[in-house]
Amino acid sequence: MGESHVRSHTQRQGEISYIAHPRVWGQGIGTGIGRQLLSRGFGQLRLHRIFATLTRGMSAPPECSPSLA
């Protein structure tokens, strides 16, 4: 349901992506996936910066991204 990718080992930058079916939106599943990916990126992989992008056309709830902050 999610993956992380190291963009630059030198600059310690990574990227995360994940998807959850609209039927489970609002149940905290996407937030849980995002938090696990961020935890792995900053903790285990020791990244300095992690990027995430919301795909246009996907109607994610507006509270989705701030819940990871």
PDB file of N, CA and C in Angstrom:
ATOM      1  N   MET A   1       0.800  -1.198   0.000  1.00  0.00           N
ATOM      2  CA  MET A   1       0.000   0.000   0.000  1.00  0.00           C
ATOM      3  C   MET A   1       0.841   1.260   0.000  1.00  0.00           C
ATOM      4  N   GLY A   2       2.134   1.141   0.287  1.00  0.00           N
ATOM      5  CA  GLY A   2       2.987   2.319   0.290  1.00  0.00           C
ATOM      6  C   GLY A   2       4.419   1.950  -0.005  1.00  0.00           C
ATOM      7  N   GLU A   3       5.195   2.933  -0.431  1.00  0.00           N
ATOM      8  CA  GLU A   3       6.609   2.703  -0.688  1.00  0.00           C
ATOM      9  C   GLU A   3       7.408   3.962  -0.418  1.00  0.00           C
ATOM     10  N   SER A   4       8.675   3.769  -0.139  1.00  0.00           N
ATOM     11  CA  SER A   4       9.578   4.902   0.016  1.00  0.00           C
ATOM     12  C   SER A   4      10.723   4.725  -0.963  1.00  0.00           C
ATOM     13  N   HIS A   5      11.276   5.830  -1.402  1.00  0.00           N
ATOM     14  CA  HIS A   5      12.339   5.831  -2.391  1.00  0.00           C
ATOM     15  C   HIS A   5      13.353   6.900  -1.989  1.00  0.00           C
ATOM     16  N   VAL A   6      14.624   6.543  -1.996  1.00  0.00           N
ATOM     17  CA  VAL A   6      15.672   7.524  -1.699  1.00  0.00           C
ATOM     18  C   VAL A   6      16.030   8.239  -2.995  1.00  0.00           C
ATOM     19  N   ARG A   7      15.770   9.546  -3.032  1.00  0.00           N
ATOM     20  CA  ARG A   7      16.094  10.365  -4.217  1.00  0.00           C
ATOM     21  C   ARG A   7      17.577  10.624  -4.318  1.00  0.00           C
ATOM     22  N   SER A   8      18.191  10.958  -3.207  1.00  0.00           N
ATOM     23  CA  SER A   8      19.607  11.318  -3.198  1.00  0.00           C
ATOM     24  C   SER A   8      20.222  10.869  -1.877  1.00  0.00           C
ATOM     25  N   HIS A   9      21.161   9.923  -1.969  1.00  0.00           N
ATOM     26  CA  HIS A   9      21.871   9.487  -0.756  1.00  0.00           C
ATOM     27  C   HIS A   9      22.759  10.608  -0.236  1.00  0.00           C
ATOM     28  N   THR A  10      23.377  11.359  -1.157  1.00  0.00           N
ATOM     29  CA  THR A  10      24.281  12.446  -0.778  1.00  0.00           C
ATOM     30  C   THR A  10      23.550  13.530   0.000  1.00  0.00           C
ATOM     31  N   GLN A  11      22.374  13.936  -0.491  1.00  0.00           N
ATOM     32  CA  GLN A  11      21.605  14.999   0.168  1.00  0.00           C
ATOM     33  C   GLN A  11      20.591  14.441   1.157  1.00  0.00           C
ATOM     34  N   ARG A  12      20.560  13.125   1.329  1.00  0.00           N
ATOM     35  CA  ARG A  12      19.666  12.445   2.279  1.00  0.00           C
ATOM     36  C   ARG A  12      18.210  12.860   2.062  1.00  0.00           C
ATOM     37  N   GLN A  13      17.761  12.771   0.808  1.00  0.00           N
ATOM     38  CA  GLN A  13      16.391  13.119   0.458  1.00  0.00           C
ATOM     39  C   GLN A  13      15.647  11.884  -0.027  1.00  0.00           C
ATOM     40  N   GLY A  14      14.376  11.811   0.330  1.00  0.00           N
ATOM     41  CA  GLY A  14      13.567  10.686  -0.084  1.00  0.00           C
ATOM     42  C   GLY A  14      12.195  11.124  -0.558  1.00  0.00           C
ATOM     43  N   GLU A  15      11.429  10.162  -0.983  1.00  0.00           N
ATOM     44  CA  GLU A  15      10.077  10.414  -1.490  1.00  0.00           C
ATOM     45  C   GLU A  15       9.187   9.261  -1.036  1.00  0.00           C
ATOM     46  N   ILE A  16       7.952   9.574  -0.660  1.00  0.00           N
ATOM     47  CA  ILE A  16       7.013   8.524  -0.293  1.00  0.00           C
ATOM     48  C   ILE A  16       5.792   8.590  -1.208  1.00  0.00           C
ATOM     49  N   SER A  17       5.172   7.449  -1.384  1.00  0.00           N
ATOM     50  CA  SER A  17       3.899   7.390  -2.105  1.00  0.00           C
ATOM     51  C   SER A  17       3.081   6.258  -1.516  1.00  0.00           C
ATOM     52  N   TYR A  18       1.790   6.437  -1.494  1.00  0.00           N
ATOM     53  CA  TYR A  18       0.896   5.398  -1.001  1.00  0.00           C
ATOM     54  C   TYR A  18      -0.494   5.652  -1.526  1.00  0.00           C
ATOM     55  N   ILE A  19      -1.323   4.618  -1.434  1.00  0.00           N
ATOM     56  CA  ILE A  19      -2.687   4.729  -1.933  1.00  0.00           C
ATOM     57  C   ILE A  19      -3.616   3.948  -1.009  1.00  0.00           C
ATOM     58  N   ALA A  20      -4.797   4.471  -0.832  1.00  0.00           N
ATOM     59  CA  ALA A  20      -5.841   3.784  -0.069  1.00  0.00           C
ATOM     60  C   ALA A  20      -7.139   3.885  -0.861  1.00  0.00           C
ATOM     61  N   HIS A  21      -7.880   2.832  -0.890  1.00  0.00           N
ATOM     62  CA  HIS A  21      -9.156   2.823  -1.614  1.00  0.00           C
ATOM     63  C   HIS A  21     -10.122   3.828  -0.983  1.00  0.00           C
ATOM     64  N   PRO A  22     -10.900   4.539  -1.805  1.00  0.00           N
ATOM     65  CA  PRO A  22     -11.843   5.529  -1.279  1.00  0.00           C
ATOM     66  C   PRO A  22     -12.808   4.979  -0.217  1.00  0.00           C
ATOM     67  N   ARG A  23     -13.079   3.680  -0.261  1.00  0.00           N
ATOM     68  CA  ARG A  23     -13.986   3.096   0.757  1.00  0.00           C
ATOM     69  C   ARG A  23     -13.429   3.211   2.160  1.00  0.00           C
ATOM     70  N   VAL A  24     -12.115   3.285   2.296  1.00  0.00           N
ATOM     71  CA  VAL A  24     -11.516   3.334   3.633  1.00  0.00           C
ATOM     72  C   VAL A  24     -11.031   4.730   4.013  1.00  0.00           C
ATOM     73  N   TRP A  25     -11.283   5.729   3.154  1.00  0.00           N
ATOM     74  CA  TRP A  25     -10.917   7.103   3.497  1.00  0.00           C
ATOM     75  C   TRP A  25     -11.648   7.521   4.765  1.00  0.00           C
ATOM     76  N   GLY A  26     -10.999   8.324   5.554  1.00  0.00           N
ATOM     77  CA  GLY A  26     -11.606   8.826   6.786  1.00  0.00           C
ATOM     78  C   GLY A  26     -11.461   7.876   7.956  1.00  0.00           C
ATOM     79  N   GLN A  27     -10.787   6.741   7.755  1.00  0.00           N
ATOM     80  CA  GLN A  27     -10.609   5.760   8.824  1.00  0.00           C
ATOM     81  C   GLN A  27      -9.190   5.769   9.393  1.00  0.00           C
ATOM     82  N   GLY A  28      -8.354   6.679   8.906  1.00  0.00           N
ATOM     83  CA  GLY A  28      -6.992   6.796   9.417  1.00  0.00           C
ATOM     84  C   GLY A  28      -5.997   5.835   8.787  1.00  0.00           C
ATOM     85  N   ILE A  29      -6.421   5.071   7.799  1.00  0.00           N
ATOM     86  CA  ILE A  29      -5.528   4.096   7.177  1.00  0.00           C
ATOM     87  C   ILE A  29      -4.421   4.794   6.389  1.00  0.00           C
ATOM     88  N   GLY A  30      -4.767   5.771   5.565  1.00  0.00           N
ATOM     89  CA  GLY A  30      -3.757   6.519   4.812  1.00  0.00           C
ATOM     90  C   GLY A  30      -2.804   7.259   5.726  1.00  0.00           C
ATOM     91  N   THR A  31      -3.330   7.837   6.781  1.00  0.00           N
ATOM     92  CA  THR A  31      -2.486   8.534   7.758  1.00  0.00           C
ATOM     93  C   THR A  31      -1.511   7.558   8.401  1.00  0.00           C
ATOM     94  N   GLY A  32      -1.989   6.371   8.742  1.00  0.00           N
ATOM     95  CA  GLY A  32      -1.128   5.351   9.348  1.00  0.00           C
ATOM     96  C   GLY A  32      -0.011   4.921   8.411  1.00  0.00           C
ATOM     97  N   ILE A  33      -0.352   4.719   7.132  1.00  0.00           N
ATOM     98  CA  ILE A  33       0.657   4.345   6.145  1.00  0.00           C
ATOM     99  C   ILE A  33       1.688   5.461   6.007  1.00  0.00           C
ATOM    100  N   GLY A  34       1.218   6.689   5.873  1.00  0.00           N
ATOM    101  CA  GLY A  34       2.123   7.827   5.740  1.00  0.00           C
ATOM    102  C   GLY A  34       3.049   7.974   6.933  1.00  0.00           C
ATOM    103  N   ARG A  35       2.512   7.818   8.119  1.00  0.00           N
ATOM    104  CA  ARG A  35       3.341   7.939   9.325  1.00  0.00           C
ATOM    105  C   ARG A  35       4.399   6.851   9.391  1.00  0.00           C
ATOM    106  N   GLN A  36       4.039   5.631   9.007  1.00  0.00           N
ATOM    107  CA  GLN A  36       5.018   4.539   9.002  1.00  0.00           C
ATOM    108  C   GLN A  36       6.141   4.815   7.996  1.00  0.00           C
ATOM    109  N   LEU A  37       5.769   5.297   6.811  1.00  0.00           N
ATOM    110  CA  LEU A  37       6.783   5.613   5.800  1.00  0.00           C
ATOM    111  C   LEU A  37       7.696   6.746   6.262  1.00  0.00           C
ATOM    112  N   LEU A  38       7.120   7.776   6.867  1.00  0.00           N
ATOM    113  CA  LEU A  38       7.934   8.888   7.379  1.00  0.00           C
ATOM    114  C   LEU A  38       8.847   8.421   8.507  1.00  0.00           C
ATOM    115  N   SER A  39       8.325   7.580   9.379  1.00  0.00           N
ATOM    116  CA  SER A  39       9.121   7.065  10.484  1.00  0.00           C
ATOM    117  C   SER A  39      10.318   6.269   9.969  1.00  0.00           C
ATOM    118  N   ARG A  40      10.090   5.431   8.981  1.00  0.00           N
ATOM    119  CA  ARG A  40      11.178   4.648   8.389  1.00  0.00           C
ATOM    120  C   ARG A  40      12.182   5.571   7.699  1.00  0.00           C
ATOM    121  N   GLY A  41      11.683   6.553   6.950  1.00  0.00           N
ATOM    122  CA  GLY A  41      12.576   7.464   6.231  1.00  0.00           C
ATOM    123  C   GLY A  41      13.458   8.288   7.148  1.00  0.00           C
ATOM    124  N   PHE A  42      12.853   8.890   8.168  1.00  0.00           N
ATOM    125  CA  PHE A  42      13.628   9.737   9.073  1.00  0.00           C
ATOM    126  C   PHE A  42      14.413   8.921  10.094  1.00  0.00           C
ATOM    127  N   GLY A  43      13.865   7.790  10.503  1.00  0.00           N
ATOM    128  CA  GLY A  43      14.523   6.969  11.511  1.00  0.00           C
ATOM    129  C   GLY A  43      15.556   6.027  10.917  1.00  0.00           C
ATOM    130  N   GLN A  44      15.081   4.935  10.325  1.00  0.00           N
ATOM    131  CA  GLN A  44      15.953   3.890   9.806  1.00  0.00           C
ATOM    132  C   GLN A  44      16.859   4.372   8.672  1.00  0.00           C
ATOM    133  N   LEU A  45      16.307   5.140   7.730  1.00  0.00           N
ATOM    134  CA  LEU A  45      17.097   5.601   6.586  1.00  0.00           C
ATOM    135  C   LEU A  45      17.848   6.899   6.850  1.00  0.00           C
ATOM    136  N   ARG A  46      17.524   7.573   7.956  1.00  0.00           N
ATOM    137  CA  ARG A  46      18.193   8.805   8.381  1.00  0.00           C
ATOM    138  C   ARG A  46      18.172   9.891   7.303  1.00  0.00           C
ATOM    139  N   LEU A  47      17.019  10.057   6.657  1.00  0.00           N
ATOM    140  CA  LEU A  47      16.874  11.079   5.633  1.00  0.00           C
ATOM    141  C   LEU A  47      16.705  12.449   6.271  1.00  0.00           C
ATOM    142  N   HIS A  48      17.089  13.471   5.547  1.00  0.00           N
ATOM    143  CA  HIS A  48      16.969  14.863   6.002  1.00  0.00           C
ATOM    144  C   HIS A  48      15.639  15.464   5.538  1.00  0.00           C
ATOM    145  N   ARG A  49      15.184  15.058   4.354  1.00  0.00           N
ATOM    146  CA  ARG A  49      13.973  15.631   3.758  1.00  0.00           C
ATOM    147  C   ARG A  49      13.228  14.526   3.016  1.00  0.00           C
ATOM    148  N   ILE A  50      11.889  14.529   3.140  1.00  0.00           N
ATOM    149  CA  ILE A  50      11.057  13.560   2.440  1.00  0.00           C
ATOM    150  C   ILE A  50       9.952  14.312   1.705  1.00  0.00           C
ATOM    151  N   PHE A  51       9.800  14.016   0.421  1.00  0.00           N
ATOM    152  CA  PHE A  51       8.784  14.643  -0.410  1.00  0.00           C
ATOM    153  C   PHE A  51       7.594  13.702  -0.580  1.00  0.00           C
ATOM    154  N   ALA A  52       6.420  14.286  -0.682  1.00  0.00           N
ATOM    155  CA  ALA A  52       5.202  13.535  -1.002  1.00  0.00           C
ATOM    156  C   ALA A  52       4.345  14.437  -1.890  1.00  0.00           C
ATOM    157  N   THR A  53       3.731  13.863  -2.892  1.00  0.00           N
ATOM    158  CA  THR A  53       2.908  14.623  -3.821  1.00  0.00           C
ATOM    159  C   THR A  53       1.546  13.978  -3.951  1.00  0.00           C
ATOM    160  N   LEU A  54       0.515  14.783  -3.908  1.00  0.00           N
ATOM    161  CA  LEU A  54      -0.847  14.301  -4.113  1.00  0.00           C
ATOM    162  C   LEU A  54      -1.145  14.366  -5.603  1.00  0.00           C
ATOM    163  N   THR A  55      -1.587  13.272  -6.167  1.00  0.00           N
ATOM    164  CA  THR A  55      -1.879  13.198  -7.598  1.00  0.00           C
ATOM    165  C   THR A  55      -3.153  13.961  -7.929  1.00  0.00           C
ATOM    166  N   ARG A  56      -3.104  14.805  -8.960  1.00  0.00           N
ATOM    167  CA  ARG A  56      -4.296  15.525  -9.403  1.00  0.00           C
ATOM    168  C   ARG A  56      -5.356  14.534  -9.841  1.00  0.00           C
ATOM    169  N   GLY A  57      -6.592  14.888  -9.579  1.00  0.00           N
ATOM    170  CA  GLY A  57      -7.688  14.009  -9.948  1.00  0.00           C
ATOM    171  C   GLY A  57      -8.086  13.063  -8.828  1.00  0.00           C
ATOM    172  N   MET A  58      -7.212  12.907  -7.856  1.00  0.00           N
ATOM    173  CA  MET A  58      -7.551  12.081  -6.703  1.00  0.00           C
ATOM    174  C   MET A  58      -8.242  12.992  -5.697  1.00  0.00           C
ATOM    175  N   SER A  59      -9.407  12.635  -5.294  1.00  0.00           N
ATOM    176  CA  SER A  59     -10.158  13.504  -4.390  1.00  0.00           C
ATOM    177  C   SER A  59      -9.967  13.065  -2.946  1.00  0.00           C
ATOM    178  N   ALA A  60      -8.748  13.227  -2.465  1.00  0.00           N
ATOM    179  CA  ALA A  60      -8.457  12.899  -1.072  1.00  0.00           C
ATOM    180  C   ALA A  60      -9.109  13.926  -0.167  1.00  0.00           C
ATOM    181  N   PRO A  61      -9.491  13.508   1.019  1.00  0.00           N
ATOM    182  CA  PRO A  61     -10.084  14.471   1.955  1.00  0.00           C
ATOM    183  C   PRO A  61      -9.095  15.584   2.283  1.00  0.00           C
ATOM    184  N   PRO A  62      -9.569  16.810   2.483  1.00  0.00           N
ATOM    185  CA  PRO A  62      -8.661  17.940   2.726  1.00  0.00           C
ATOM    186  C   PRO A  62      -7.805  17.777   3.969  1.00  0.00           C
ATOM    187  N   GLU A  63      -8.238  16.994   4.934  1.00  0.00           N
ATOM    188  CA  GLU A  63      -7.473  16.827   6.158  1.00  0.00           C
ATOM    189  C   GLU A  63      -6.364  15.782   6.025  1.00  0.00           C
ATOM    190  N   CYS A  64      -6.236  15.151   4.893  1.00  0.00           N
ATOM    191  CA  CYS A  64      -5.272  14.061   4.696  1.00  0.00           C
ATOM    192  C   CYS A  64      -3.833  14.501   4.960  1.00  0.00           C
ATOM    193  N   SER A  65      -3.337  15.481   4.233  1.00  0.00           N
ATOM    194  CA  SER A  65      -1.935  15.880   4.366  1.00  0.00           C
ATOM    195  C   SER A  65      -1.590  16.495   5.720  1.00  0.00           C
ATOM    196  N   PRO A  66      -2.398  17.419   6.263  1.00  0.00           N
ATOM    197  CA  PRO A  66      -2.041  18.010   7.547  1.00  0.00           C
ATOM    198  C   PRO A  66      -1.935  16.982   8.684  1.00  0.00           C
ATOM    199  N   SER A  67      -2.621  15.861   8.582  1.00  0.00           N
ATOM    200  CA  SER A  67      -2.575  14.892   9.662  1.00  0.00           C
ATOM    201  C   SER A  67      -1.208  14.215   9.765  1.00  0.00           C
ATOM    202  N   LEU A  68      -0.378  14.352   8.749  1.00  0.00           N
ATOM    203  CA  LEU A  68       0.965  13.798   8.797  1.00  0.00           C
ATOM    204  C   LEU A  68       1.980  14.789   9.341  1.00  0.00           C
ATOM    205  N   ALA A  69       1.610  16.038   9.454  1.00  0.00           N
ATOM    206  CA  ALA A  69       2.537  17.079   9.902  1.00  0.00           C
ATOM    207  C   ALA A  69       2.875  16.934  11.365  1.00  0.00           C
TER     208      ALA A  69
END
